[in-house]
Amino acid sequence: MKDRDEGVTITAYPNGPLIVRGDVTILDVEGRAIPRTRRTVALCRCGASTIKPLCDGSHKLVGFCTEEPAGSS
């Protein structure tokens, strides 16, 4: 793995997960580190994933949308 000083980025993908890149520790609700095998992980934003906090692609099935529909204001 590369040095931690290279930084961490979190990118919110439209209608999808948060993509976390870099050397970070992700904790579960009990404060325990979630094991990681990759430097890049996807975190669920829709709430429908069966492997929370990780994304399993369920946002596509439930029609998760991060933008307001046109004319909804």
N, C-alpha and C. Protein backbone atom coordinates (compact mmCIF):
# COMPACT_ATOMS: atom_id res chain seq x y z
N MET A 1 0.83 -1.19 0.00
CA MET A 1 0.00 0.00 0.00
C MET A 1 0.87 1.25 0.00
N LYS A 2 0.32 2.29 -0.59
CA LYS A 2 1.05 3.54 -0.65
C LYS A 2 0.99 4.25 0.69
N ASP A 3 1.80 5.26 0.83
CA ASP A 3 1.88 6.02 2.06
C ASP A 3 0.58 6.77 2.35
N ARG A 4 0.19 6.83 3.59
CA ARG A 4 -1.03 7.50 4.01
C ARG A 4 -1.03 8.98 3.64
N ASP A 5 0.13 9.60 3.47
CA ASP A 5 0.23 11.01 3.15
C ASP A 5 -0.29 11.35 1.75
N GLU A 6 -0.53 10.35 0.92
CA GLU A 6 -1.02 10.61 -0.42
C GLU A 6 -2.46 11.09 -0.42
N GLY A 7 -3.14 11.00 0.68
CA GLY A 7 -4.48 11.54 0.81
C GLY A 7 -5.59 10.55 0.59
N VAL A 8 -6.73 10.99 1.02
CA VAL A 8 -7.94 10.20 0.91
C VAL A 8 -8.94 11.05 0.15
N THR A 9 -9.70 10.44 -0.74
CA THR A 9 -10.77 11.17 -1.42
C THR A 9 -12.07 10.42 -1.24
N ILE A 10 -13.15 11.18 -1.12
CA ILE A 10 -14.50 10.64 -1.06
C ILE A 10 -15.28 11.33 -2.15
N THR A 11 -15.80 10.54 -3.08
CA THR A 11 -16.53 11.10 -4.21
C THR A 11 -17.96 10.58 -4.19
N ALA A 12 -18.91 11.52 -4.20
CA ALA A 12 -20.33 11.15 -4.26
C ALA A 12 -20.72 10.98 -5.72
N TYR A 13 -21.09 9.77 -6.09
CA TYR A 13 -21.50 9.51 -7.46
C TYR A 13 -22.99 9.77 -7.61
N PRO A 14 -23.38 10.48 -8.68
CA PRO A 14 -24.81 10.75 -8.88
C PRO A 14 -25.61 9.46 -8.87
N ASN A 15 -26.67 9.46 -8.08
CA ASN A 15 -27.58 8.30 -7.99
C ASN A 15 -26.88 7.01 -7.58
N GLY A 16 -25.76 7.15 -6.87
CA GLY A 16 -25.00 5.97 -6.47
C GLY A 16 -24.30 6.15 -5.14
N PRO A 17 -23.28 5.34 -4.91
CA PRO A 17 -22.59 5.31 -3.62
C PRO A 17 -21.57 6.43 -3.45
N LEU A 18 -20.99 6.45 -2.27
CA LEU A 18 -19.81 7.27 -1.99
C LEU A 18 -18.61 6.37 -2.27
N ILE A 19 -17.70 6.83 -3.11
CA ILE A 19 -16.50 6.07 -3.41
C ILE A 19 -15.37 6.63 -2.56
N VAL A 20 -14.79 5.78 -1.73
CA VAL A 20 -13.71 6.17 -0.82
C VAL A 20 -12.41 5.58 -1.34
N ARG A 21 -11.45 6.45 -1.63
CA ARG A 21 -10.14 6.01 -2.11
C ARG A 21 -9.07 6.43 -1.12
N GLY A 22 -8.18 5.53 -0.81
CA GLY A 22 -7.07 5.86 0.08
C GLY A 22 -7.05 4.98 1.31
N ASP A 23 -6.08 5.25 2.13
CA ASP A 23 -5.84 4.44 3.33
C ASP A 23 -6.62 5.02 4.51
N VAL A 24 -7.84 4.54 4.68
CA VAL A 24 -8.69 4.99 5.79
C VAL A 24 -9.20 3.77 6.54
N THR A 25 -9.63 4.00 7.75
CA THR A 25 -10.26 2.96 8.54
C THR A 25 -11.75 3.27 8.59
N ILE A 26 -12.57 2.31 8.21
CA ILE A 26 -14.01 2.45 8.27
C ILE A 26 -14.50 1.63 9.45
N LEU A 27 -15.29 2.28 10.31
CA LEU A 27 -15.76 1.63 11.53
C LEU A 27 -17.23 1.25 11.41
N ASP A 28 -17.60 0.14 12.07
CA ASP A 28 -19.01 -0.23 12.12
C ASP A 28 -19.67 0.52 13.29
N VAL A 29 -20.95 0.25 13.53
CA VAL A 29 -21.67 0.97 14.58
C VAL A 29 -21.14 0.69 15.98
N GLU A 30 -20.42 -0.39 16.13
CA GLU A 30 -19.83 -0.75 17.42
C GLU A 30 -18.42 -0.16 17.58
N GLY A 31 -17.92 0.53 16.55
CA GLY A 31 -16.59 1.11 16.61
C GLY A 31 -15.47 0.18 16.19
N ARG A 32 -15.84 -0.98 15.63
CA ARG A 32 -14.84 -1.95 15.17
C ARG A 32 -14.48 -1.67 13.72
N ALA A 33 -13.21 -1.84 13.39
CA ALA A 33 -12.76 -1.64 12.02
C ALA A 33 -13.35 -2.70 11.10
N ILE A 34 -13.86 -2.25 9.96
CA ILE A 34 -14.37 -3.17 8.94
C ILE A 34 -13.18 -3.59 8.09
N PRO A 35 -12.95 -4.90 7.96
CA PRO A 35 -11.80 -5.36 7.16
C PRO A 35 -11.91 -4.89 5.71
N ARG A 36 -10.78 -4.44 5.18
CA ARG A 36 -10.72 -3.99 3.79
C ARG A 36 -9.66 -4.77 3.05
N THR A 37 -9.99 -5.16 1.83
CA THR A 37 -9.01 -5.86 0.99
C THR A 37 -8.59 -4.99 -0.18
N ARG A 38 -9.24 -3.82 -0.33
CA ARG A 38 -8.93 -2.91 -1.43
C ARG A 38 -8.76 -1.50 -0.89
N ARG A 39 -8.03 -0.67 -1.65
CA ARG A 39 -7.86 0.73 -1.27
C ARG A 39 -9.08 1.57 -1.65
N THR A 40 -9.93 1.05 -2.53
CA THR A 40 -11.12 1.77 -2.95
C THR A 40 -12.34 0.95 -2.55
N VAL A 41 -13.28 1.61 -1.85
CA VAL A 41 -14.52 0.94 -1.45
C VAL A 41 -15.70 1.86 -1.77
N ALA A 42 -16.86 1.25 -1.94
CA ALA A 42 -18.09 2.00 -2.18
C ALA A 42 -18.97 1.90 -0.94
N LEU A 43 -19.42 3.04 -0.45
CA LEU A 43 -20.29 3.09 0.73
C LEU A 43 -21.71 3.39 0.29
N CYS A 44 -22.66 2.69 0.88
CA CYS A 44 -24.08 2.83 0.55
C CYS A 44 -24.61 4.21 0.97
N ARG A 45 -25.40 4.82 0.08
CA ARG A 45 -26.13 6.06 0.41
C ARG A 45 -27.62 5.86 0.35
N CYS A 46 -28.09 4.79 -0.28
CA CYS A 46 -29.53 4.62 -0.48
C CYS A 46 -30.21 3.94 0.70
N GLY A 47 -29.45 3.22 1.51
CA GLY A 47 -30.02 2.51 2.65
C GLY A 47 -30.53 1.12 2.34
N ALA A 48 -30.46 0.69 1.08
CA ALA A 48 -31.02 -0.60 0.69
C ALA A 48 -30.00 -1.73 0.62
N SER A 49 -28.73 -1.43 0.77
CA SER A 49 -27.69 -2.46 0.65
C SER A 49 -27.85 -3.53 1.73
N THR A 50 -27.58 -4.76 1.35
CA THR A 50 -27.63 -5.86 2.32
C THR A 50 -26.28 -6.06 3.01
N ILE A 51 -25.27 -5.29 2.60
CA ILE A 51 -23.94 -5.41 3.20
C ILE A 51 -23.48 -4.05 3.77
N LYS A 52 -24.44 -3.27 4.29
CA LYS A 52 -24.11 -1.94 4.83
C LYS A 52 -22.95 -2.03 5.81
N PRO A 53 -22.09 -1.07 5.83
CA PRO A 53 -22.15 0.21 5.16
C PRO A 53 -21.66 0.16 3.71
N LEU A 54 -21.29 -1.02 3.22
CA LEU A 54 -20.78 -1.13 1.86
C LEU A 54 -21.94 -1.19 0.87
N CYS A 55 -21.68 -0.75 -0.33
CA CYS A 55 -22.67 -0.75 -1.41
C CYS A 55 -22.70 -2.11 -2.09
N ASP A 56 -23.91 -2.60 -2.37
CA ASP A 56 -24.05 -3.85 -3.13
C ASP A 56 -24.77 -3.64 -4.46
N GLY A 57 -24.96 -2.38 -4.84
CA GLY A 57 -25.63 -2.07 -6.10
C GLY A 57 -27.13 -1.93 -5.99
N SER A 58 -27.69 -2.07 -4.78
CA SER A 58 -29.14 -2.00 -4.60
C SER A 58 -29.74 -0.66 -5.01
N HIS A 59 -28.93 0.39 -5.04
CA HIS A 59 -29.45 1.71 -5.42
C HIS A 59 -30.08 1.67 -6.81
N LYS A 60 -29.57 0.81 -7.67
CA LYS A 60 -30.13 0.69 -9.02
C LYS A 60 -31.53 0.05 -8.97
N LEU A 61 -31.69 -0.94 -8.10
CA LEU A 61 -32.97 -1.65 -8.01
C LEU A 61 -34.06 -0.79 -7.38
N VAL A 62 -33.69 0.06 -6.41
CA VAL A 62 -34.69 0.87 -5.71
C VAL A 62 -34.90 2.23 -6.34
N GLY A 63 -34.13 2.55 -7.39
CA GLY A 63 -34.29 3.83 -8.07
C GLY A 63 -33.80 5.01 -7.27
N PHE A 64 -32.74 4.80 -6.48
CA PHE A 64 -32.17 5.87 -5.67
C PHE A 64 -31.77 7.05 -6.55
N CYS A 65 -32.17 8.25 -6.14
CA CYS A 65 -31.90 9.44 -6.92
C CYS A 65 -31.34 10.52 -6.00
N THR A 66 -30.22 11.10 -6.37
CA THR A 66 -29.59 12.13 -5.55
C THR A 66 -29.96 13.53 -5.98
N GLU A 67 -30.68 13.65 -7.08
CA GLU A 67 -31.08 14.97 -7.56
C GLU A 67 -32.60 15.09 -7.54
N GLU A 68 -33.08 16.31 -7.26
CA GLU A 68 -34.51 16.53 -7.26
C GLU A 68 -35.03 16.49 -8.69
N PRO A 69 -36.20 15.87 -8.88
CA PRO A 69 -36.80 15.87 -10.22
C PRO A 69 -37.09 17.29 -10.68
N ALA A 70 -36.98 17.55 -11.95
CA ALA A 70 -37.24 18.88 -12.50
C ALA A 70 -38.65 19.32 -12.13
N GLY A 71 -38.77 20.59 -11.71
CA GLY A 71 -40.07 21.16 -11.38
C GLY A 71 -40.58 20.83 -9.99
N SER A 72 -39.75 20.21 -9.14
CA SER A 72 -40.20 19.84 -7.80
C SER A 72 -40.01 20.95 -6.78
N SER A 73 -39.40 22.07 -7.16
CA SER A 73 -39.15 23.17 -6.23
C SER A 73 -40.38 23.99 -5.99
